[in-house]
Structures are given as C-alpha cells and as structure tokens.
Amino acid sequence: MPELITVCWANGKPYQPIYGVQGAMEIFNPSEPRVYSTMDALLREIKDRFPSNYIHLGMRKDYLLKIKIFLLFHLIF
C-alpha cells in the first residue's frame, strides 16, 4: 500500500532519496485516513500473536505524533 507512505522530496522533485538522511518514501502518512485503520489492524494482529503487552514501534517522535496519539487513545490494552 504505497499510498500510505509519505513521499520524500528534494530539490522540488518527489521520490528523491537523500542518502543518510531520507529514503524516496518513508514514514506512514498521517494525513491519509486509511493509515489509522491499517495500523489498528496490524497492532491488533500483533497483540493476538504475541503475549507481551508492550511493543517497540521505533518511531521518530517528531514525525508521527498523530499516529502515537491515535494509538494512545484507541489501542490501550
């Protein structure tokens, strides 16, 4: 589902990686509503398959604030 991923730009052009800084496409796009239902389904499946109540998402805080807020309010186990 590439439409759920944010396109990275450089020099006014889309899909431009800057090696060591960003890829051509990176994080989930918080402006795409389907990201939230996809994340919900993914994390529910992980919860069903693994016994721990904790999961490390490895997200960068500055990029994914909306997703983290969604997770806090919708997926508290």
PDB file of N, CA and C in Angstrom:
ATOM      1  N   MET A   1       0.827  -1.182   0.000  1.00  0.00           N
ATOM      2  CA  MET A   1       0.000   0.000   0.000  1.00  0.00           C
ATOM      3  C   MET A   1       0.874   1.250   0.000  1.00  0.00           C
ATOM      4  N   PRO A   2       1.509   1.540  -1.089  1.00  0.00           N
ATOM      5  CA  PRO A   2       2.411   2.697  -1.120  1.00  0.00           C
ATOM      6  C   PRO A   2       1.707   4.024  -0.869  1.00  0.00           C
ATOM      7  N   GLU A   3       0.402   4.095  -1.095  1.00  0.00           N
ATOM      8  CA  GLU A   3      -0.310   5.351  -0.852  1.00  0.00           C
ATOM      9  C   GLU A   3      -0.362   5.710   0.632  1.00  0.00           C
ATOM     10  N   LEU A   4      -0.004   4.792   1.508  1.00  0.00           N
ATOM     11  CA  LEU A   4       0.012   5.058   2.944  1.00  0.00           C
ATOM     12  C   LEU A   4       1.347   5.624   3.420  1.00  0.00           C
ATOM     13  N   ILE A   5       2.326   5.661   2.535  1.00  0.00           N
ATOM     14  CA  ILE A   5       3.667   6.114   2.897  1.00  0.00           C
ATOM     15  C   ILE A   5       3.908   7.519   2.347  1.00  0.00           C
ATOM     16  N   THR A   6       4.606   8.324   3.114  1.00  0.00           N
ATOM     17  CA  THR A   6       4.908   9.696   2.723  1.00  0.00           C
ATOM     18  C   THR A   6       6.000   9.731   1.662  1.00  0.00           C
ATOM     19  N   VAL A   7       5.757  10.463   0.605  1.00  0.00           N
ATOM     20  CA  VAL A   7       6.761  10.663  -0.450  1.00  0.00           C
ATOM     21  C   VAL A   7       7.739  11.735   0.022  1.00  0.00           C
ATOM     22  N   CYS A   8       9.020  11.487  -0.135  1.00  0.00           N
ATOM     23  CA  CYS A   8      10.050  12.454   0.242  1.00  0.00           C
ATOM     24  C   CYS A   8      10.462  13.284  -0.975  1.00  0.00           C
ATOM     25  N   TRP A   9      10.667  14.550  -0.741  1.00  0.00           N
ATOM     26  CA  TRP A   9      11.008  15.489  -1.810  1.00  0.00           C
ATOM     27  C   TRP A   9      12.415  16.041  -1.595  1.00  0.00           C
ATOM     28  N   ALA A  10      13.069  16.374  -2.697  1.00  0.00           N
ATOM     29  CA  ALA A  10      14.354  17.076  -2.656  1.00  0.00           C
ATOM     30  C   ALA A  10      14.477  17.884  -3.946  1.00  0.00           C
ATOM     31  N   ASN A  11      14.932  19.081  -3.828  1.00  0.00           N
ATOM     32  CA  ASN A  11      15.112  19.960  -4.992  1.00  0.00           C
ATOM     33  C   ASN A  11      13.838  20.097  -5.832  1.00  0.00           C
ATOM     34  N   GLY A  12      12.690  20.150  -5.164  1.00  0.00           N
ATOM     35  CA  GLY A  12      11.422  20.329  -5.861  1.00  0.00           C
ATOM     36  C   GLY A  12      10.903  19.110  -6.594  1.00  0.00           C
ATOM     37  N   LYS A  13      11.496  17.935  -6.352  1.00  0.00           N
ATOM     38  CA  LYS A  13      11.095  16.719  -7.046  1.00  0.00           C
ATOM     39  C   LYS A  13      10.678  15.649  -6.029  1.00  0.00           C
ATOM     40  N   PRO A  14       9.585  14.912  -6.337  1.00  0.00           N
ATOM     41  CA  PRO A  14       9.173  13.827  -5.433  1.00  0.00           C
ATOM     42  C   PRO A  14      10.030  12.586  -5.621  1.00  0.00           C
ATOM     43  N   TYR A  15       9.939  11.686  -4.659  1.00  0.00           N
ATOM     44  CA  TYR A  15      10.651  10.395  -4.688  1.00  0.00           C
ATOM     45  C   TYR A  15      12.161  10.576  -4.807  1.00  0.00           C
ATOM     46  N   GLN A  16      12.686  11.518  -4.041  1.00  0.00           N
ATOM     47  CA  GLN A  16      14.119  11.803  -4.104  1.00  0.00           C
ATOM     48  C   GLN A  16      14.797  11.419  -2.793  1.00  0.00           C
ATOM     49  N   PRO A  17      15.530  10.315  -2.774  1.00  0.00           N
ATOM     50  CA  PRO A  17      16.256   9.974  -1.560  1.00  0.00           C
ATOM     51  C   PRO A  17      17.455  10.893  -1.359  1.00  0.00           C
ATOM     52  N   ILE A  18      17.746  11.160  -0.132  1.00  0.00           N
ATOM     53  CA  ILE A  18      18.989  11.835   0.246  1.00  0.00           C
ATOM     54  C   ILE A  18      19.692  10.823   1.147  1.00  0.00           C
ATOM     55  N   TYR A  19      20.668  10.141   0.619  1.00  0.00           N
ATOM     56  CA  TYR A  19      21.283   9.031   1.308  1.00  0.00           C
ATOM     57  C   TYR A  19      21.869   9.469   2.642  1.00  0.00           C
ATOM     58  N   GLY A  20      21.530   8.719   3.667  1.00  0.00           N
ATOM     59  CA  GLY A  20      21.941   9.035   5.020  1.00  0.00           C
ATOM     60  C   GLY A  20      20.969   9.955   5.733  1.00  0.00           C
ATOM     61  N   VAL A  21      19.980  10.502   5.009  1.00  0.00           N
ATOM     62  CA  VAL A  21      19.014  11.414   5.607  1.00  0.00           C
ATOM     63  C   VAL A  21      17.595  10.883   5.445  1.00  0.00           C
ATOM     64  N   GLN A  22      17.200  10.564   4.218  1.00  0.00           N
ATOM     65  CA  GLN A  22      15.840  10.105   3.945  1.00  0.00           C
ATOM     66  C   GLN A  22      15.829   9.188   2.736  1.00  0.00           C
ATOM     67  N   GLY A  23      14.808   8.349   2.676  1.00  0.00           N
ATOM     68  CA  GLY A  23      14.610   7.497   1.510  1.00  0.00           C
ATOM     69  C   GLY A  23      13.699   8.196   0.519  1.00  0.00           C
ATOM     70  N   ALA A  24      13.374   7.535  -0.575  1.00  0.00           N
ATOM     71  CA  ALA A  24      12.454   8.100  -1.556  1.00  0.00           C
ATOM     72  C   ALA A  24      11.038   8.161  -0.991  1.00  0.00           C
ATOM     73  N   MET A  25      10.713   7.206  -0.139  1.00  0.00           N
ATOM     74  CA  MET A  25       9.440   7.167   0.586  1.00  0.00           C
ATOM     75  C   MET A  25       9.775   6.688   1.994  1.00  0.00           C
ATOM     76  N   GLU A  26       9.093   7.252   2.996  1.00  0.00           N
ATOM     77  CA  GLU A  26       9.440   6.858   4.356  1.00  0.00           C
ATOM     78  C   GLU A  26       8.223   6.539   5.202  1.00  0.00           C
ATOM     79  N   ILE A  27       7.947   7.367   6.153  1.00  0.00           N
ATOM     80  CA  ILE A  27       7.006   7.076   7.228  1.00  0.00           C
ATOM     81  C   ILE A  27       5.555   7.008   6.761  1.00  0.00           C
ATOM     82  N   PHE A  28       4.713   6.434   7.630  1.00  0.00           N
ATOM     83  CA  PHE A  28       3.282   6.463   7.356  1.00  0.00           C
ATOM     84  C   PHE A  28       2.816   7.900   7.224  1.00  0.00           C
ATOM     85  N   ASN A  29       1.915   8.129   6.299  1.00  0.00           N
ATOM     86  CA  ASN A  29       1.394   9.463   6.019  1.00  0.00           C
ATOM     87  C   ASN A  29       0.229   9.759   6.953  1.00  0.00           C
ATOM     88  N   PRO A  30       0.408  10.595   7.983  1.00  0.00           N
ATOM     89  CA  PRO A  30      -0.661  10.853   8.950  1.00  0.00           C
ATOM     90  C   PRO A  30      -1.851  11.606   8.364  1.00  0.00           C
ATOM     91  N   SER A  31      -1.726  12.141   7.154  1.00  0.00           N
ATOM     92  CA  SER A  31      -2.868  12.824   6.532  1.00  0.00           C
ATOM     93  C   SER A  31      -3.756  11.853   5.742  1.00  0.00           C
ATOM     94  N   GLU A  32      -3.335  10.594   5.640  1.00  0.00           N
ATOM     95  CA  GLU A  32      -4.116   9.574   4.934  1.00  0.00           C
ATOM     96  C   GLU A  32      -4.959   8.799   5.959  1.00  0.00           C
ATOM     97  N   PRO A  33      -6.285   8.935   5.916  1.00  0.00           N
ATOM     98  CA  PRO A  33      -7.136   8.284   6.917  1.00  0.00           C
ATOM     99  C   PRO A  33      -6.961   6.764   7.009  1.00  0.00           C
ATOM    100  N   ARG A  34      -6.652   6.098   5.909  1.00  0.00           N
ATOM    101  CA  ARG A  34      -6.500   4.639   5.947  1.00  0.00           C
ATOM    102  C   ARG A  34      -5.289   4.188   6.744  1.00  0.00           C
ATOM    103  N   VAL A  35      -4.352   5.091   7.003  1.00  0.00           N
ATOM    104  CA  VAL A  35      -3.196   4.727   7.823  1.00  0.00           C
ATOM    105  C   VAL A  35      -3.673   4.243   9.189  1.00  0.00           C
ATOM    106  N   TYR A  36      -4.664   4.913   9.751  1.00  0.00           N
ATOM    107  CA  TYR A  36      -5.105   4.602  11.103  1.00  0.00           C
ATOM    108  C   TYR A  36      -5.801   3.245  11.175  1.00  0.00           C
ATOM    109  N   SER A  37      -6.631   2.917  10.206  1.00  0.00           N
ATOM    110  CA  SER A  37      -7.282   1.606  10.219  1.00  0.00           C
ATOM    111  C   SER A  37      -6.261   0.493   9.941  1.00  0.00           C
ATOM    112  N   THR A  38      -5.282   0.776   9.094  1.00  0.00           N
ATOM    113  CA  THR A  38      -4.233  -0.203   8.815  1.00  0.00           C
ATOM    114  C   THR A  38      -3.389  -0.458  10.057  1.00  0.00           C
ATOM    115  N   MET A  39      -2.986   0.604  10.730  1.00  0.00           N
ATOM    116  CA  MET A  39      -2.206   0.457  11.963  1.00  0.00           C
ATOM    117  C   MET A  39      -3.014  -0.275  13.032  1.00  0.00           C
ATOM    118  N   ASP A  40      -4.298   0.038  13.130  1.00  0.00           N
ATOM    119  CA  ASP A  40      -5.171  -0.622  14.093  1.00  0.00           C
ATOM    120  C   ASP A  40      -5.198  -2.127  13.833  1.00  0.00           C
ATOM    121  N   ALA A  41      -5.425  -2.524  12.591  1.00  0.00           N
ATOM    122  CA  ALA A  41      -5.481  -3.945  12.243  1.00  0.00           C
ATOM    123  C   ALA A  41      -4.135  -4.632  12.486  1.00  0.00           C
ATOM    124  N   LEU A  42      -3.056  -3.977  12.110  1.00  0.00           N
ATOM    125  CA  LEU A  42      -1.725  -4.546  12.290  1.00  0.00           C
ATOM    126  C   LEU A  42      -1.412  -4.767  13.772  1.00  0.00           C
ATOM    127  N   LEU A  43      -1.647  -3.753  14.581  1.00  0.00           N
ATOM    128  CA  LEU A  43      -1.308  -3.873  16.002  1.00  0.00           C
ATOM    129  C   LEU A  43      -2.225  -4.848  16.729  1.00  0.00           C
ATOM    130  N   ARG A  44      -3.472  -4.941  16.320  1.00  0.00           N
ATOM    131  CA  ARG A  44      -4.360  -5.943  16.923  1.00  0.00           C
ATOM    132  C   ARG A  44      -3.880  -7.362  16.584  1.00  0.00           C
ATOM    133  N   GLU A  45      -3.425  -7.565  15.365  1.00  0.00           N
ATOM    134  CA  GLU A  45      -2.901  -8.878  14.995  1.00  0.00           C
ATOM    135  C   GLU A  45      -1.632  -9.207  15.773  1.00  0.00           C
ATOM    136  N   ILE A  46      -0.759  -8.227  15.935  1.00  0.00           N
ATOM    137  CA  ILE A  46       0.456  -8.443  16.728  1.00  0.00           C
ATOM    138  C   ILE A  46       0.086  -8.807  18.162  1.00  0.00           C
ATOM    139  N   LYS A  47      -0.886  -8.101  18.724  1.00  0.00           N
ATOM    140  CA  LYS A  47      -1.314  -8.378  20.094  1.00  0.00           C
ATOM    141  C   LYS A  47      -1.863  -9.798  20.218  1.00  0.00           C
ATOM    142  N   ASP A  48      -2.609 -10.250  19.223  1.00  0.00           N
ATOM    143  CA  ASP A  48      -3.166 -11.600  19.249  1.00  0.00           C
ATOM    144  C   ASP A  48      -2.085 -12.677  19.144  1.00  0.00           C
ATOM    145  N   ARG A  49      -0.989 -12.374  18.484  1.00  0.00           N
ATOM    146  CA  ARG A  49       0.049 -13.379  18.235  1.00  0.00           C
ATOM    147  C   ARG A  49       1.147 -13.417  19.288  1.00  0.00           C
ATOM    148  N   PHE A  50       1.349 -12.315  19.997  1.00  0.00           N
ATOM    149  CA  PHE A  50       2.431 -12.242  20.970  1.00  0.00           C
ATOM    150  C   PHE A  50       1.868 -11.908  22.345  1.00  0.00           C
ATOM    151  N   PRO A  51       2.366 -12.555  23.398  1.00  0.00           N
ATOM    152  CA  PRO A  51       1.780 -12.405  24.730  1.00  0.00           C
ATOM    153  C   PRO A  51       2.114 -11.098  25.449  1.00  0.00           C
ATOM    154  N   SER A  52       3.109 -10.378  25.022  1.00  0.00           N
ATOM    155  CA  SER A  52       3.518  -9.166  25.733  1.00  0.00           C
ATOM    156  C   SER A  52       2.503  -8.038  25.558  1.00  0.00           C
ATOM    157  N   ASN A  53       2.391  -7.208  26.582  1.00  0.00           N
ATOM    158  CA  ASN A  53       1.546  -6.014  26.487  1.00  0.00           C
ATOM    159  C   ASN A  53       2.312  -4.822  25.943  1.00  0.00           C
ATOM    160  N   TYR A  54       3.571  -5.026  25.567  1.00  0.00           N
ATOM    161  CA  TYR A  54       4.411  -3.937  25.096  1.00  0.00           C
ATOM    162  C   TYR A  54       4.965  -4.263  23.708  1.00  0.00           C
ATOM    163  N   ILE A  55       5.122  -3.218  22.912  1.00  0.00           N
ATOM    164  CA  ILE A  55       5.740  -3.351  21.597  1.00  0.00           C
ATOM    165  C   ILE A  55       6.546  -2.075  21.340  1.00  0.00           C
ATOM    166  N   HIS A  56       7.749  -2.244  20.828  1.00  0.00           N
ATOM    167  CA  HIS A  56       8.566  -1.087  20.472  1.00  0.00           C
ATOM    168  C   HIS A  56       8.331  -0.779  19.008  1.00  0.00           C
ATOM    169  N   LEU A  57       7.800   0.398  18.726  1.00  0.00           N
ATOM    170  CA  LEU A  57       7.476   0.771  17.356  1.00  0.00           C
ATOM    171  C   LEU A  57       8.638   1.424  16.640  1.00  0.00           C
ATOM    172  N   GLY A  58       9.611   1.929  17.376  1.00  0.00           N
ATOM    173  CA  GLY A  58      10.783   2.517  16.766  1.00  0.00           C
ATOM    174  C   GLY A  58      10.494   3.754  15.942  1.00  0.00           C
ATOM    175  N   MET A  59       9.478   4.507  16.317  1.00  0.00           N
ATOM    176  CA  MET A  59       9.104   5.694  15.530  1.00  0.00           C
ATOM    177  C   MET A  59       9.838   6.937  16.015  1.00  0.00           C
ATOM    178  N   ARG A  60      10.045   7.847  15.089  1.00  0.00           N
ATOM    179  CA  ARG A  60      10.627   9.135  15.440  1.00  0.00           C
ATOM    180  C   ARG A  60       9.508  10.028  15.946  1.00  0.00           C
ATOM    181  N   LYS A  61       9.708  10.593  17.112  1.00  0.00           N
ATOM    182  CA  LYS A  61       8.662  11.356  17.798  1.00  0.00           C
ATOM    183  C   LYS A  61       8.168  12.547  16.994  1.00  0.00           C
ATOM    184  N   ASP A  62       9.040  13.238  16.326  1.00  0.00           N
ATOM    185  CA  ASP A  62       8.637  14.457  15.633  1.00  0.00           C
ATOM    186  C   ASP A  62       7.782  14.188  14.403  1.00  0.00           C
ATOM    187  N   TYR A  63       7.878  13.010  13.794  1.00  0.00           N
ATOM    188  CA  TYR A  63       7.128  12.723  12.578  1.00  0.00           C
ATOM    189  C   TYR A  63       5.744  12.151  12.828  1.00  0.00           C
ATOM    190  N   LEU A  64       5.608  11.318  13.836  1.00  0.00           N
ATOM    191  CA  LEU A  64       4.396  10.515  13.931  1.00  0.00           C
ATOM    192  C   LEU A  64       3.537  10.832  15.142  1.00  0.00           C
ATOM    193  N   LEU A  65       3.474  12.086  15.520  1.00  0.00           N
ATOM    194  CA  LEU A  65       2.706  12.465  16.690  1.00  0.00           C
ATOM    195  C   LEU A  65       1.240  12.071  16.560  1.00  0.00           C
ATOM    196  N   LYS A  66       0.623  12.283  15.403  1.00  0.00           N
ATOM    197  CA  LYS A  66      -0.791  11.932  15.244  1.00  0.00           C
ATOM    198  C   LYS A  66      -1.015  10.435  15.398  1.00  0.00           C
ATOM    199  N   ILE A  67      -0.121   9.628  14.871  1.00  0.00           N
ATOM    200  CA  ILE A  67      -0.281   8.183  15.000  1.00  0.00           C
ATOM    201  C   ILE A  67      -0.112   7.758  16.455  1.00  0.00           C
ATOM    202  N   LYS A  68       0.837   8.341  17.153  1.00  0.00           N
ATOM    203  CA  LYS A  68       1.030   7.991  18.556  1.00  0.00           C
ATOM    204  C   LYS A  68      -0.188   8.387  19.387  1.00  0.00           C
ATOM    205  N   ILE A  69      -0.758   9.549  19.107  1.00  0.00           N
ATOM    206  CA  ILE A  69      -1.961   9.961  19.825  1.00  0.00           C
ATOM    207  C   ILE A  69      -3.090   8.975  19.551  1.00  0.00           C
ATOM    208  N   PHE A  70      -3.248   8.567  18.296  1.00  0.00           N
ATOM    209  CA  PHE A  70      -4.263   7.571  17.951  1.00  0.00           C
ATOM    210  C   PHE A  70      -4.036   6.286  18.742  1.00  0.00           C
ATOM    211  N   LEU A  71      -2.803   5.823  18.793  1.00  0.00           N
ATOM    212  CA  LEU A  71      -2.512   4.588  19.496  1.00  0.00           C
ATOM    213  C   LEU A  71      -2.818   4.702  20.990  1.00  0.00           C
ATOM    214  N   LEU A  72      -2.489   5.824  21.565  1.00  0.00           N
ATOM    215  CA  LEU A  72      -2.750   6.012  22.988  1.00  0.00           C
ATOM    216  C   LEU A  72      -4.240   5.973  23.303  1.00  0.00           C
ATOM    217  N   PHE A  73      -5.051   6.569  22.455  1.00  0.00           N
ATOM    218  CA  PHE A  73      -6.488   6.661  22.744  1.00  0.00           C
ATOM    219  C   PHE A  73      -7.299   5.469  22.242  1.00  0.00           C
ATOM    220  N   HIS A  74      -6.804   4.712  21.268  1.00  0.00           N
ATOM    221  CA  HIS A  74      -7.593   3.635  20.683  1.00  0.00           C
ATOM    222  C   HIS A  74      -7.081   2.237  20.971  1.00  0.00           C
ATOM    223  N   LEU A  75      -5.844   2.102  21.334  1.00  0.00           N
ATOM    224  CA  LEU A  75      -5.286   0.756  21.468  1.00  0.00           C
ATOM    225  C   LEU A  75      -4.708   0.482  22.858  1.00  0.00           C
ATOM    226  N   ILE A  76      -5.244   1.115  23.865  1.00  0.00           N
ATOM    227  CA  ILE A  76      -4.790   0.820  25.226  1.00  0.00           C
ATOM    228  C   ILE A  76      -5.360  -0.535  25.604  1.00  0.00           C
ATOM    229  N   PHE A  77      -4.477  -1.445  25.972  1.00  0.00           N
ATOM    230  CA  PHE A  77      -4.912  -2.836  26.213  1.00  0.00           C
ATOM    231  C   PHE A  77      -5.364  -3.047  27.635  1.00  0.00           C
TER     232      PHE A  77
END
